[in-house]
Amino acid sequence: MKIEQFLVGEMANFTYVIVDEKNNDSIIVDPSWNLEIIFEYLKKNSLNNRYILNTHSHFDHIFGNEQVKSTTGAKVIQHKSSPLEKDIEVDDGEVIEFGDSKIKIIHTPGHSKDSICLIIDDKVMLTGDTVFIGSCGRLDLPGGNPHEMFNSIYGKLVNLDGNLTILPGHHYGSSKTSTLKKEFESNFVFKFKNQDDFLKSMSS
C-alpha cells in the first residue's frame, strides 16, 4: 500500500491517492482542485480508481466528486451522517478492506457532523479537518461543534497509537506530515486539562 499526497488549490488542501500496488487499484481521498494532476498520476501509474473517500462534506473536500466519478466510475464513500449523495455509507469503527490493506473509520465530529479520520494498516491516519499539524479544524463553520470536537480529540484520538503518521486535510502547519506522538507533545489542542478550558479557548 502506498499513499500519495497532493497539495492543491488556493486553500492549501491536500488530496490523497491510496494505491493498492498489488492490483493497481486506487482510492482518491477528498478530490477538489487541480484534478488534472490527479488524473495524470492515475494514467501514469495505470491505476483503476475504485472509490472516492471523503473525510467530510465541506465543499473544498467534495466538489471534485462528480468529475472523478464520471471520469473513473468510482463509488463515493462517506460517513452515514453526510447529507450528500453517496454510494457507500460508513460508520465509526467500520473497516474498509482494500486489497491486502484495512482502512478503519473513526468518526470525529466537531469540525463537521460527518468528519472522519482514516487509519490505514495501523500505520497512517488521514485526519481530514479534525486535526492539523499544530492545530485543529475550525468550529464556526456549518456543522461545527466545540463539545463534539472535545469528545473526538479527548475521547478518541488521545487513545490511539502515538506512532501513527498524521496526514492532514490542509497544509496549515510547519510541515506536511507529523506523528500523533509529536502532536500530543506540541499541538495546543491536546494540552487542555478539562472540557471547560477547551471550550473557553475555542470560543475566544
N, C-alpha and C. Protein backbone atom coordinates (compact mmCIF):
# COMPACT_ATOMS: atom_id res chain seq x y z
N MET A 1 0.83 -1.18 0.00
CA MET A 1 0.00 0.00 0.00
C MET A 1 0.88 1.25 0.00
N LYS A 2 0.49 2.21 -0.81
CA LYS A 2 1.22 3.47 -0.91
C LYS A 2 0.21 4.62 -0.85
N ILE A 3 0.61 5.72 -0.23
CA ILE A 3 -0.26 6.89 -0.14
C ILE A 3 0.47 8.08 -0.73
N GLU A 4 -0.12 8.70 -1.73
CA GLU A 4 0.46 9.88 -2.36
C GLU A 4 -0.29 11.12 -1.91
N GLN A 5 0.46 12.16 -1.56
CA GLN A 5 -0.10 13.41 -1.05
C GLN A 5 0.06 14.50 -2.12
N PHE A 6 -1.05 15.20 -2.42
CA PHE A 6 -1.02 16.26 -3.42
C PHE A 6 -1.53 17.55 -2.79
N LEU A 7 -0.73 18.61 -2.83
CA LEU A 7 -1.13 19.92 -2.34
C LEU A 7 -1.82 20.65 -3.49
N VAL A 8 -3.10 21.00 -3.29
CA VAL A 8 -3.90 21.52 -4.40
C VAL A 8 -4.67 22.78 -3.99
N GLY A 9 -4.95 23.63 -4.98
CA GLY A 9 -5.83 24.77 -4.79
C GLY A 9 -5.25 25.89 -3.95
N GLU A 10 -6.07 26.95 -3.80
CA GLU A 10 -5.64 28.16 -3.10
C GLU A 10 -5.96 28.12 -1.61
N MET A 11 -6.58 27.02 -1.14
CA MET A 11 -6.88 26.88 0.28
C MET A 11 -5.96 25.86 0.94
N ALA A 12 -4.85 25.56 0.26
CA ALA A 12 -3.83 24.64 0.78
C ALA A 12 -4.43 23.28 1.15
N ASN A 13 -5.32 22.78 0.31
CA ASN A 13 -5.90 21.46 0.53
C ASN A 13 -4.92 20.35 0.18
N PHE A 14 -5.10 19.23 0.84
CA PHE A 14 -4.42 18.00 0.43
C PHE A 14 -5.45 17.04 -0.14
N THR A 15 -5.17 16.54 -1.34
CA THR A 15 -5.88 15.38 -1.88
C THR A 15 -4.92 14.20 -1.79
N TYR A 16 -5.44 13.05 -1.44
CA TYR A 16 -4.61 11.85 -1.31
C TYR A 16 -5.06 10.77 -2.29
N VAL A 17 -4.11 10.00 -2.75
CA VAL A 17 -4.41 8.81 -3.53
C VAL A 17 -3.82 7.62 -2.79
N ILE A 18 -4.70 6.73 -2.36
CA ILE A 18 -4.29 5.49 -1.71
C ILE A 18 -4.15 4.43 -2.80
N VAL A 19 -2.98 3.83 -2.89
CA VAL A 19 -2.68 2.93 -4.00
C VAL A 19 -2.46 1.50 -3.51
N ASP A 20 -3.24 0.58 -4.08
CA ASP A 20 -3.01 -0.86 -3.89
C ASP A 20 -2.09 -1.30 -5.03
N GLU A 21 -0.79 -1.35 -4.72
CA GLU A 21 0.20 -1.62 -5.77
C GLU A 21 0.08 -3.03 -6.33
N LYS A 22 -0.46 -3.94 -5.55
CA LYS A 22 -0.58 -5.32 -6.00
C LYS A 22 -1.59 -5.44 -7.14
N ASN A 23 -2.71 -4.72 -7.01
CA ASN A 23 -3.79 -4.82 -8.00
C ASN A 23 -3.94 -3.60 -8.89
N ASN A 24 -3.08 -2.60 -8.70
CA ASN A 24 -3.16 -1.34 -9.46
C ASN A 24 -4.52 -0.66 -9.31
N ASP A 25 -5.06 -0.72 -8.10
CA ASP A 25 -6.30 -0.03 -7.77
C ASP A 25 -5.99 1.16 -6.88
N SER A 26 -6.92 2.12 -6.83
CA SER A 26 -6.68 3.30 -6.01
C SER A 26 -7.98 3.84 -5.43
N ILE A 27 -7.80 4.68 -4.40
CA ILE A 27 -8.88 5.44 -3.79
C ILE A 27 -8.43 6.90 -3.75
N ILE A 28 -9.26 7.80 -4.24
CA ILE A 28 -8.97 9.23 -4.13
C ILE A 28 -9.68 9.76 -2.89
N VAL A 29 -8.92 10.41 -2.01
CA VAL A 29 -9.48 10.98 -0.79
C VAL A 29 -9.57 12.50 -0.95
N ASP A 30 -10.79 13.02 -0.78
CA ASP A 30 -11.06 14.47 -0.81
C ASP A 30 -10.64 15.15 -2.11
N PRO A 31 -11.21 14.75 -3.24
CA PRO A 31 -10.88 15.42 -4.51
C PRO A 31 -11.48 16.82 -4.56
N SER A 32 -10.66 17.78 -4.97
CA SER A 32 -11.16 19.16 -5.08
C SER A 32 -10.53 19.83 -6.29
N TRP A 33 -9.53 20.68 -6.07
CA TRP A 33 -8.90 21.40 -7.17
C TRP A 33 -7.82 20.56 -7.86
N ASN A 34 -7.36 21.10 -9.01
CA ASN A 34 -6.21 20.51 -9.74
C ASN A 34 -6.39 19.03 -10.03
N LEU A 35 -7.60 18.66 -10.43
CA LEU A 35 -7.85 17.24 -10.69
C LEU A 35 -7.03 16.70 -11.85
N GLU A 36 -6.60 17.60 -12.75
CA GLU A 36 -5.79 17.14 -13.87
C GLU A 36 -4.49 16.49 -13.37
N ILE A 37 -3.98 16.97 -12.24
CA ILE A 37 -2.77 16.38 -11.66
C ILE A 37 -3.06 14.96 -11.17
N ILE A 38 -4.22 14.81 -10.55
CA ILE A 38 -4.61 13.50 -10.04
C ILE A 38 -4.84 12.52 -11.18
N PHE A 39 -5.56 12.97 -12.21
CA PHE A 39 -5.83 12.09 -13.35
C PHE A 39 -4.54 11.70 -14.07
N GLU A 40 -3.61 12.62 -14.16
CA GLU A 40 -2.33 12.32 -14.79
C GLU A 40 -1.57 11.28 -13.98
N TYR A 41 -1.65 11.38 -12.66
CA TYR A 41 -0.99 10.39 -11.81
C TYR A 41 -1.61 9.01 -12.01
N LEU A 42 -2.95 8.97 -12.07
CA LEU A 42 -3.62 7.68 -12.30
C LEU A 42 -3.19 7.08 -13.64
N LYS A 43 -3.17 7.92 -14.66
CA LYS A 43 -2.81 7.43 -16.00
C LYS A 43 -1.36 6.95 -16.05
N LYS A 44 -0.47 7.74 -15.48
CA LYS A 44 0.96 7.41 -15.49
C LYS A 44 1.24 6.08 -14.81
N ASN A 45 0.46 5.79 -13.77
CA ASN A 45 0.69 4.58 -12.99
C ASN A 45 -0.31 3.47 -13.30
N SER A 46 -1.11 3.67 -14.38
CA SER A 46 -2.07 2.65 -14.83
C SER A 46 -2.98 2.19 -13.70
N LEU A 47 -3.54 3.17 -12.96
CA LEU A 47 -4.37 2.85 -11.81
C LEU A 47 -5.85 2.89 -12.16
N ASN A 48 -6.57 1.93 -11.62
CA ASN A 48 -8.03 1.89 -11.74
C ASN A 48 -8.61 2.45 -10.45
N ASN A 49 -9.15 3.67 -10.51
CA ASN A 49 -9.64 4.29 -9.29
C ASN A 49 -11.03 3.75 -8.93
N ARG A 50 -11.07 2.99 -7.85
CA ARG A 50 -12.29 2.30 -7.44
C ARG A 50 -13.25 3.16 -6.63
N TYR A 51 -12.67 4.03 -5.77
CA TYR A 51 -13.51 4.76 -4.81
C TYR A 51 -13.06 6.21 -4.67
N ILE A 52 -14.01 7.03 -4.22
CA ILE A 52 -13.76 8.36 -3.68
C ILE A 52 -14.13 8.27 -2.21
N LEU A 53 -13.23 8.71 -1.34
CA LEU A 53 -13.49 8.67 0.09
C LEU A 53 -13.38 10.10 0.63
N ASN A 54 -14.47 10.62 1.15
CA ASN A 54 -14.49 11.99 1.66
C ASN A 54 -14.40 12.00 3.18
N THR A 55 -13.46 12.81 3.71
CA THR A 55 -13.32 12.89 5.15
C THR A 55 -14.43 13.71 5.79
N HIS A 56 -15.09 14.56 5.01
CA HIS A 56 -16.28 15.29 5.46
C HIS A 56 -16.87 16.01 4.25
N SER A 57 -18.01 16.67 4.47
CA SER A 57 -18.80 17.15 3.34
C SER A 57 -18.64 18.63 3.02
N HIS A 58 -17.67 19.33 3.60
CA HIS A 58 -17.46 20.73 3.23
C HIS A 58 -17.00 20.81 1.78
N PHE A 59 -17.40 21.88 1.10
CA PHE A 59 -17.27 21.95 -0.36
C PHE A 59 -15.84 21.75 -0.84
N ASP A 60 -14.86 22.23 -0.08
CA ASP A 60 -13.48 22.17 -0.55
C ASP A 60 -12.89 20.77 -0.45
N HIS A 61 -13.67 19.82 0.02
CA HIS A 61 -13.22 18.42 0.09
C HIS A 61 -14.05 17.48 -0.80
N ILE A 62 -15.11 18.01 -1.40
CA ILE A 62 -16.00 17.12 -2.14
C ILE A 62 -16.36 17.60 -3.55
N PHE A 63 -16.02 18.88 -3.90
CA PHE A 63 -16.58 19.36 -5.16
C PHE A 63 -15.96 18.71 -6.39
N GLY A 64 -14.90 17.94 -6.20
CA GLY A 64 -14.35 17.16 -7.31
C GLY A 64 -14.99 15.80 -7.47
N ASN A 65 -15.92 15.46 -6.57
CA ASN A 65 -16.52 14.13 -6.60
C ASN A 65 -17.13 13.76 -7.94
N GLU A 66 -17.96 14.65 -8.45
CA GLU A 66 -18.71 14.32 -9.67
C GLU A 66 -17.78 14.11 -10.86
N GLN A 67 -16.75 14.95 -10.99
CA GLN A 67 -15.84 14.79 -12.12
C GLN A 67 -15.04 13.50 -11.99
N VAL A 68 -14.59 13.19 -10.78
CA VAL A 68 -13.84 11.94 -10.58
C VAL A 68 -14.75 10.75 -10.83
N LYS A 69 -15.99 10.85 -10.34
CA LYS A 69 -16.93 9.75 -10.51
C LYS A 69 -17.24 9.52 -11.99
N SER A 70 -17.48 10.59 -12.74
CA SER A 70 -17.81 10.45 -14.15
C SER A 70 -16.61 10.00 -14.98
N THR A 71 -15.41 10.39 -14.55
CA THR A 71 -14.21 10.04 -15.30
C THR A 71 -13.73 8.63 -15.02
N THR A 72 -13.83 8.20 -13.76
CA THR A 72 -13.24 6.91 -13.37
C THR A 72 -14.27 5.84 -13.02
N GLY A 73 -15.53 6.25 -12.83
CA GLY A 73 -16.56 5.29 -12.43
C GLY A 73 -16.50 4.93 -10.96
N ALA A 74 -15.77 5.72 -10.17
CA ALA A 74 -15.59 5.42 -8.75
C ALA A 74 -16.88 5.57 -7.96
N LYS A 75 -17.00 4.78 -6.90
CA LYS A 75 -18.11 4.90 -5.97
C LYS A 75 -17.71 5.81 -4.81
N VAL A 76 -18.67 6.61 -4.34
CA VAL A 76 -18.40 7.58 -3.28
C VAL A 76 -18.68 6.97 -1.91
N ILE A 77 -17.68 7.06 -1.02
CA ILE A 77 -17.81 6.58 0.34
C ILE A 77 -17.80 7.78 1.28
N GLN A 78 -18.81 7.87 2.15
CA GLN A 78 -18.86 8.94 3.15
C GLN A 78 -19.50 8.40 4.42
N HIS A 79 -19.30 9.16 5.50
CA HIS A 79 -19.96 8.79 6.75
C HIS A 79 -21.47 8.84 6.56
N LYS A 80 -22.18 8.01 7.29
CA LYS A 80 -23.63 7.89 7.12
C LYS A 80 -24.38 9.18 7.42
N SER A 81 -23.78 10.09 8.22
CA SER A 81 -24.46 11.34 8.55
C SER A 81 -24.26 12.42 7.50
N SER A 82 -23.45 12.14 6.49
CA SER A 82 -23.23 13.13 5.43
C SER A 82 -24.53 13.39 4.68
N PRO A 83 -24.86 14.67 4.45
CA PRO A 83 -26.09 15.00 3.72
C PRO A 83 -25.95 14.83 2.22
N LEU A 84 -24.77 14.52 1.75
CA LEU A 84 -24.50 14.47 0.32
C LEU A 84 -24.77 13.08 -0.25
N GLU A 85 -24.91 13.05 -1.56
CA GLU A 85 -25.15 11.77 -2.24
C GLU A 85 -23.93 10.87 -2.09
N LYS A 86 -24.16 9.63 -1.75
CA LYS A 86 -23.07 8.68 -1.57
C LYS A 86 -23.52 7.30 -2.02
N ASP A 87 -22.56 6.49 -2.41
CA ASP A 87 -22.85 5.12 -2.83
C ASP A 87 -22.70 4.13 -1.68
N ILE A 88 -21.77 4.44 -0.78
CA ILE A 88 -21.48 3.56 0.35
C ILE A 88 -21.43 4.38 1.62
N GLU A 89 -22.19 3.98 2.64
CA GLU A 89 -22.17 4.65 3.93
C GLU A 89 -21.26 3.89 4.89
N VAL A 90 -20.52 4.64 5.70
CA VAL A 90 -19.67 4.01 6.71
C VAL A 90 -19.97 4.64 8.06
N ASP A 91 -19.62 3.93 9.12
CA ASP A 91 -19.85 4.41 10.47
C ASP A 91 -18.61 4.17 11.32
N ASP A 92 -18.62 4.73 12.51
CA ASP A 92 -17.49 4.63 13.42
C ASP A 92 -17.10 3.18 13.68
N GLY A 93 -15.82 2.89 13.53
CA GLY A 93 -15.30 1.56 13.81
C GLY A 93 -15.35 0.59 12.65
N GLU A 94 -16.03 0.95 11.58
CA GLU A 94 -16.09 0.06 10.41
C GLU A 94 -14.72 -0.01 9.72
N VAL A 95 -14.48 -1.09 9.03
CA VAL A 95 -13.22 -1.31 8.33
C VAL A 95 -13.51 -1.54 6.85
N ILE A 96 -12.82 -0.79 6.01
CA ILE A 96 -12.88 -0.99 4.57
C ILE A 96 -11.68 -1.85 4.17
N GLU A 97 -11.94 -2.98 3.56
CA GLU A 97 -10.85 -3.82 3.07
C GLU A 97 -10.53 -3.41 1.64
N PHE A 98 -9.26 -3.09 1.42
CA PHE A 98 -8.82 -2.61 0.11
C PHE A 98 -7.54 -3.33 -0.25
N GLY A 99 -7.66 -4.28 -1.16
CA GLY A 99 -6.51 -5.14 -1.43
C GLY A 99 -6.14 -5.89 -0.17
N ASP A 100 -4.87 -5.84 0.18
CA ASP A 100 -4.41 -6.51 1.40
C ASP A 100 -4.44 -5.57 2.60
N SER A 101 -4.95 -4.37 2.42
CA SER A 101 -4.92 -3.38 3.48
C SER A 101 -6.31 -3.19 4.10
N LYS A 102 -6.27 -2.59 5.29
CA LYS A 102 -7.51 -2.28 6.01
C LYS A 102 -7.53 -0.80 6.36
N ILE A 103 -8.67 -0.17 6.09
CA ILE A 103 -8.87 1.25 6.39
C ILE A 103 -9.97 1.35 7.44
N LYS A 104 -9.57 1.76 8.64
CA LYS A 104 -10.53 1.86 9.74
C LYS A 104 -11.11 3.25 9.82
N ILE A 105 -12.42 3.34 9.98
CA ILE A 105 -13.14 4.60 10.06
C ILE A 105 -13.27 5.03 11.52
N ILE A 106 -12.82 6.24 11.83
CA ILE A 106 -13.01 6.83 13.15
C ILE A 106 -13.88 8.07 12.97
N HIS A 107 -15.10 8.03 13.51
CA HIS A 107 -16.00 9.19 13.41
C HIS A 107 -15.55 10.24 14.40
N THR A 108 -15.20 11.43 13.89
CA THR A 108 -14.65 12.50 14.73
C THR A 108 -15.38 13.82 14.49
N PRO A 109 -16.66 13.89 14.86
CA PRO A 109 -17.40 15.15 14.66
C PRO A 109 -16.80 16.28 15.49
N GLY A 110 -17.05 17.48 15.07
CA GLY A 110 -16.52 18.65 15.74
C GLY A 110 -16.32 19.76 14.72
N HIS A 111 -15.52 19.50 13.70
CA HIS A 111 -15.39 20.43 12.58
C HIS A 111 -16.65 20.37 11.71
N SER A 112 -17.20 19.18 11.58
CA SER A 112 -18.48 18.95 10.90
C SER A 112 -19.10 17.70 11.51
N LYS A 113 -20.38 17.52 11.26
CA LYS A 113 -21.09 16.37 11.84
C LYS A 113 -20.58 15.04 11.29
N ASP A 114 -20.12 15.06 10.04
CA ASP A 114 -19.75 13.81 9.38
C ASP A 114 -18.25 13.62 9.25
N SER A 115 -17.45 14.37 10.01
CA SER A 115 -15.99 14.25 9.92
C SER A 115 -15.53 12.86 10.32
N ILE A 116 -14.60 12.32 9.55
CA ILE A 116 -13.99 11.04 9.89
C ILE A 116 -12.48 11.12 9.71
N CYS A 117 -11.77 10.29 10.49
CA CYS A 117 -10.35 10.04 10.27
C CYS A 117 -10.21 8.62 9.74
N LEU A 118 -9.17 8.39 8.97
CA LEU A 118 -8.96 7.10 8.31
C LEU A 118 -7.63 6.52 8.77
N ILE A 119 -7.67 5.39 9.46
CA ILE A 119 -6.44 4.73 9.90
C ILE A 119 -6.15 3.57 8.94
N ILE A 120 -5.01 3.65 8.30
CA ILE A 120 -4.65 2.69 7.26
C ILE A 120 -3.56 1.76 7.78
N ASP A 121 -3.91 0.48 7.88
CA ASP A 121 -2.97 -0.57 8.31
C ASP A 121 -2.30 -0.26 9.64
N ASP A 122 -3.00 0.45 10.50
CA ASP A 122 -2.47 0.81 11.83
C ASP A 122 -1.14 1.54 11.77
N LYS A 123 -0.90 2.23 10.66
CA LYS A 123 0.37 2.95 10.49
C LYS A 123 0.18 4.43 10.18
N VAL A 124 -0.84 4.73 9.42
CA VAL A 124 -1.05 6.10 8.93
C VAL A 124 -2.48 6.52 9.23
N MET A 125 -2.66 7.81 9.61
CA MET A 125 -4.01 8.33 9.82
C MET A 125 -4.21 9.60 9.02
N LEU A 126 -5.19 9.56 8.11
CA LEU A 126 -5.63 10.75 7.41
C LEU A 126 -6.67 11.43 8.29
N THR A 127 -6.39 12.66 8.71
CA THR A 127 -7.22 13.31 9.72
C THR A 127 -8.24 14.29 9.16
N GLY A 128 -8.25 14.49 7.84
CA GLY A 128 -9.19 15.46 7.29
C GLY A 128 -9.00 16.81 7.95
N ASP A 129 -10.11 17.44 8.36
CA ASP A 129 -10.03 18.73 9.05
C ASP A 129 -10.27 18.59 10.55
N THR A 130 -10.11 17.38 11.07
CA THR A 130 -10.24 17.21 12.52
C THR A 130 -9.01 17.76 13.22
N VAL A 131 -7.84 17.28 12.82
CA VAL A 131 -6.59 17.76 13.40
C VAL A 131 -5.62 18.11 12.29
N PHE A 132 -5.01 19.29 12.40
CA PHE A 132 -3.94 19.70 11.51
C PHE A 132 -2.61 19.57 12.25
N ILE A 133 -1.53 19.88 11.55
CA ILE A 133 -0.23 19.92 12.22
C ILE A 133 -0.19 21.20 13.05
N GLY A 134 -0.28 21.05 14.36
CA GLY A 134 -0.22 22.20 15.25
C GLY A 134 -1.54 22.84 15.60
N SER A 135 -2.64 22.34 15.09
CA SER A 135 -3.94 22.94 15.40
C SER A 135 -5.06 21.95 15.09
N CYS A 136 -6.29 22.44 15.07
CA CYS A 136 -7.43 21.60 14.69
C CYS A 136 -8.34 22.39 13.77
N GLY A 137 -9.36 21.73 13.23
CA GLY A 137 -10.27 22.37 12.30
C GLY A 137 -11.14 23.42 12.97
N ARG A 138 -11.59 24.38 12.17
CA ARG A 138 -12.47 25.44 12.68
C ARG A 138 -13.78 24.85 13.20
N LEU A 139 -14.33 25.54 14.20
CA LEU A 139 -15.56 25.07 14.81
C LEU A 139 -16.73 26.01 14.54
N ASP A 140 -16.50 27.05 13.74
CA ASP A 140 -17.54 28.05 13.47
C ASP A 140 -18.16 27.89 12.08
N LEU A 141 -17.88 26.80 11.42
CA LEU A 141 -18.46 26.52 10.11
C LEU A 141 -19.70 25.64 10.27
N PRO A 142 -20.54 25.53 9.23
CA PRO A 142 -21.74 24.69 9.35
C PRO A 142 -21.42 23.29 9.84
N GLY A 143 -22.10 22.87 10.90
CA GLY A 143 -21.87 21.55 11.48
C GLY A 143 -20.82 21.53 12.55
N GLY A 144 -20.14 22.66 12.77
CA GLY A 144 -19.10 22.73 13.80
C GLY A 144 -19.69 22.71 15.20
N ASN A 145 -18.99 22.04 16.12
CA ASN A 145 -19.49 21.93 17.48
C ASN A 145 -18.30 21.70 18.42
N PRO A 146 -17.97 22.67 19.29
CA PRO A 146 -16.80 22.52 20.16
C PRO A 146 -16.92 21.36 21.15
N HIS A 147 -18.14 21.08 21.62
CA HIS A 147 -18.33 19.94 22.54
C HIS A 147 -17.98 18.64 21.83
N GLU A 148 -18.44 18.50 20.60
CA GLU A 148 -18.15 17.28 19.84
C GLU A 148 -16.67 17.18 19.50
N MET A 149 -16.04 18.32 19.22
CA MET A 149 -14.61 18.28 18.92
C MET A 149 -13.83 17.84 20.15
N PHE A 150 -14.19 18.33 21.32
CA PHE A 150 -13.52 17.90 22.54
C PHE A 150 -13.65 16.39 22.71
N ASN A 151 -14.86 15.87 22.51
CA ASN A 151 -15.07 14.43 22.66
C ASN A 151 -14.29 13.63 21.62
N SER A 152 -14.19 14.16 20.41
CA SER A 152 -13.43 13.46 19.38
C SER A 152 -11.94 13.41 19.71
N ILE A 153 -11.42 14.53 20.19
CA ILE A 153 -9.99 14.60 20.49
C ILE A 153 -9.65 13.84 21.76
N TYR A 154 -10.43 14.10 22.83
CA TYR A 154 -10.07 13.54 24.13
C TYR A 154 -10.74 12.20 24.42
N GLY A 155 -11.77 11.88 23.64
CA GLY A 155 -12.41 10.59 23.83
C GLY A 155 -11.93 9.53 22.86
N LYS A 156 -11.29 9.98 21.75
CA LYS A 156 -10.87 9.03 20.72
C LYS A 156 -9.39 9.18 20.35
N LEU A 157 -9.00 10.36 19.86
CA LEU A 157 -7.66 10.49 19.31
C LEU A 157 -6.56 10.29 20.35
N VAL A 158 -6.78 10.76 21.58
CA VAL A 158 -5.73 10.62 22.59
C VAL A 158 -5.48 9.16 22.96
N ASN A 159 -6.41 8.28 22.61
CA ASN A 159 -6.27 6.86 22.95
C ASN A 159 -5.59 6.06 21.85
N LEU A 160 -5.25 6.71 20.76
CA LEU A 160 -4.66 5.99 19.63
C LEU A 160 -3.14 5.89 19.77
N ASP A 161 -2.55 5.03 18.95
CA ASP A 161 -1.11 4.79 18.95
C ASP A 161 -0.37 6.06 18.51
N GLY A 162 0.53 6.53 19.37
CA GLY A 162 1.29 7.73 19.05
C GLY A 162 2.21 7.59 17.85
N ASN A 163 2.49 6.38 17.43
CA ASN A 163 3.37 6.16 16.28
C ASN A 163 2.66 6.37 14.94
N LEU A 164 1.36 6.58 14.96
CA LEU A 164 0.64 6.82 13.71
C LEU A 164 1.18 8.06 13.01
N THR A 165 1.47 7.92 11.72
CA THR A 165 1.82 9.08 10.90
C THR A 165 0.55 9.86 10.59
N ILE A 166 0.62 11.18 10.76
CA ILE A 166 -0.54 12.05 10.55
C ILE A 166 -0.45 12.71 9.18
N LEU A 167 -1.51 12.57 8.39
CA LEU A 167 -1.64 13.24 7.11
C LEU A 167 -2.91 14.09 7.16
N PRO A 168 -2.79 15.42 7.25
CA PRO A 168 -3.95 16.29 7.46
C PRO A 168 -4.66 16.68 6.16
N GLY A 169 -5.79 17.35 6.31
CA GLY A 169 -6.58 17.76 5.15
C GLY A 169 -6.13 19.06 4.52
N HIS A 170 -5.32 19.85 5.25
CA HIS A 170 -4.78 21.11 4.74
C HIS A 170 -3.34 21.27 5.20
N HIS A 171 -2.59 22.05 4.43
CA HIS A 171 -1.20 22.36 4.80
C HIS A 171 -1.19 23.68 5.57
N TYR A 172 -1.63 23.61 6.82
CA TYR A 172 -1.71 24.80 7.66
C TYR A 172 -0.60 24.84 8.71
N GLY A 173 0.22 23.84 8.78
CA GLY A 173 1.24 23.76 9.81
C GLY A 173 2.64 23.98 9.27
N SER A 174 3.62 23.64 10.08
CA SER A 174 5.03 23.83 9.71
C SER A 174 5.56 22.71 8.82
N SER A 175 4.82 21.63 8.70
CA SER A 175 5.23 20.52 7.85
C SER A 175 3.99 19.87 7.25
N LYS A 176 4.21 19.03 6.27
CA LYS A 176 3.09 18.37 5.59
C LYS A 176 2.63 17.11 6.32
N THR A 177 3.46 16.58 7.18
CA THR A 177 3.12 15.38 7.93
C THR A 177 3.65 15.51 9.35
N SER A 178 3.19 14.62 10.20
CA SER A 178 3.67 14.57 11.58
C SER A 178 3.41 13.17 12.09
N THR A 179 3.56 12.99 13.39
CA THR A 179 3.09 11.77 14.04
C THR A 179 2.14 12.18 15.15
N LEU A 180 1.30 11.26 15.55
CA LEU A 180 0.37 11.58 16.61
C LEU A 180 1.12 11.90 17.90
N LYS A 181 2.23 11.21 18.15
CA LYS A 181 3.03 11.49 19.34
C LYS A 181 3.55 12.92 19.33
N LYS A 182 4.05 13.38 18.19
CA LYS A 182 4.54 14.76 18.09
C LYS A 182 3.41 15.75 18.34
N GLU A 183 2.21 15.43 17.84
CA GLU A 183 1.07 16.33 18.06
C GLU A 183 0.67 16.32 19.53
N PHE A 184 0.71 15.18 20.17
CA PHE A 184 0.44 15.12 21.62
C PHE A 184 1.37 16.08 22.37
N GLU A 185 2.62 16.16 21.91
CA GLU A 185 3.63 16.95 22.61
C GLU A 185 3.61 18.43 22.25
N SER A 186 3.18 18.77 21.02
CA SER A 186 3.35 20.15 20.56
C SER A 186 2.06 20.86 20.14
N ASN A 187 1.02 20.11 19.83
CA ASN A 187 -0.23 20.70 19.35
C ASN A 187 -1.06 21.17 20.53
N PHE A 188 -1.41 22.45 20.55
CA PHE A 188 -2.11 23.01 21.71
C PHE A 188 -3.45 22.34 21.99
N VAL A 189 -4.08 21.73 20.97
CA VAL A 189 -5.41 21.16 21.20
C VAL A 189 -5.37 19.92 22.09
N PHE A 190 -4.17 19.36 22.29
CA PHE A 190 -4.03 18.20 23.17
C PHE A 190 -3.57 18.58 24.58
N LYS A 191 -3.51 19.88 24.88
CA LYS A 191 -2.92 20.35 26.13
C LYS A 191 -3.95 20.69 27.21
N PHE A 192 -5.21 20.64 26.91
CA PHE A 192 -6.22 21.07 27.88
C PHE A 192 -6.46 20.01 28.95
N LYS A 193 -6.69 20.47 30.18
CA LYS A 193 -6.88 19.55 31.31
C LYS A 193 -8.34 19.15 31.48
N ASN A 194 -9.25 19.96 30.94
CA ASN A 194 -10.67 19.63 31.08
C ASN A 194 -11.46 20.29 29.95
N GLN A 195 -12.72 19.91 29.83
CA GLN A 195 -13.56 20.39 28.74
C GLN A 195 -13.84 21.88 28.86
N ASP A 196 -14.01 22.40 30.07
CA ASP A 196 -14.30 23.82 30.23
C ASP A 196 -13.17 24.68 29.68
N ASP A 197 -11.93 24.32 29.98
CA ASP A 197 -10.79 25.08 29.46
C ASP A 197 -10.73 25.01 27.94
N PHE A 198 -11.01 23.83 27.40
CA PHE A 198 -11.03 23.65 25.95
C PHE A 198 -12.09 24.55 25.31
N LEU A 199 -13.30 24.53 25.86
CA LEU A 199 -14.40 25.31 25.30
C LEU A 199 -14.13 26.80 25.39
N LYS A 200 -13.56 27.24 26.50
CA LYS A 200 -13.24 28.67 26.66
C LYS A 200 -12.22 29.10 25.60
N SER A 201 -11.20 28.28 25.40
CA SER A 201 -10.17 28.62 24.43
C SER A 201 -10.72 28.65 23.01
N MET A 202 -11.56 27.68 22.68
CA MET A 202 -12.08 27.58 21.33
C MET A 202 -13.13 28.64 21.00
N SER A 203 -13.69 29.24 22.01
CA SER A 203 -14.71 30.27 21.78
C SER A 203 -14.14 31.67 21.88
N SER A 204 -12.86 31.78 22.24
CA SER A 204 -12.24 33.11 22.40
C SER A 204 -11.68 33.62 21.07
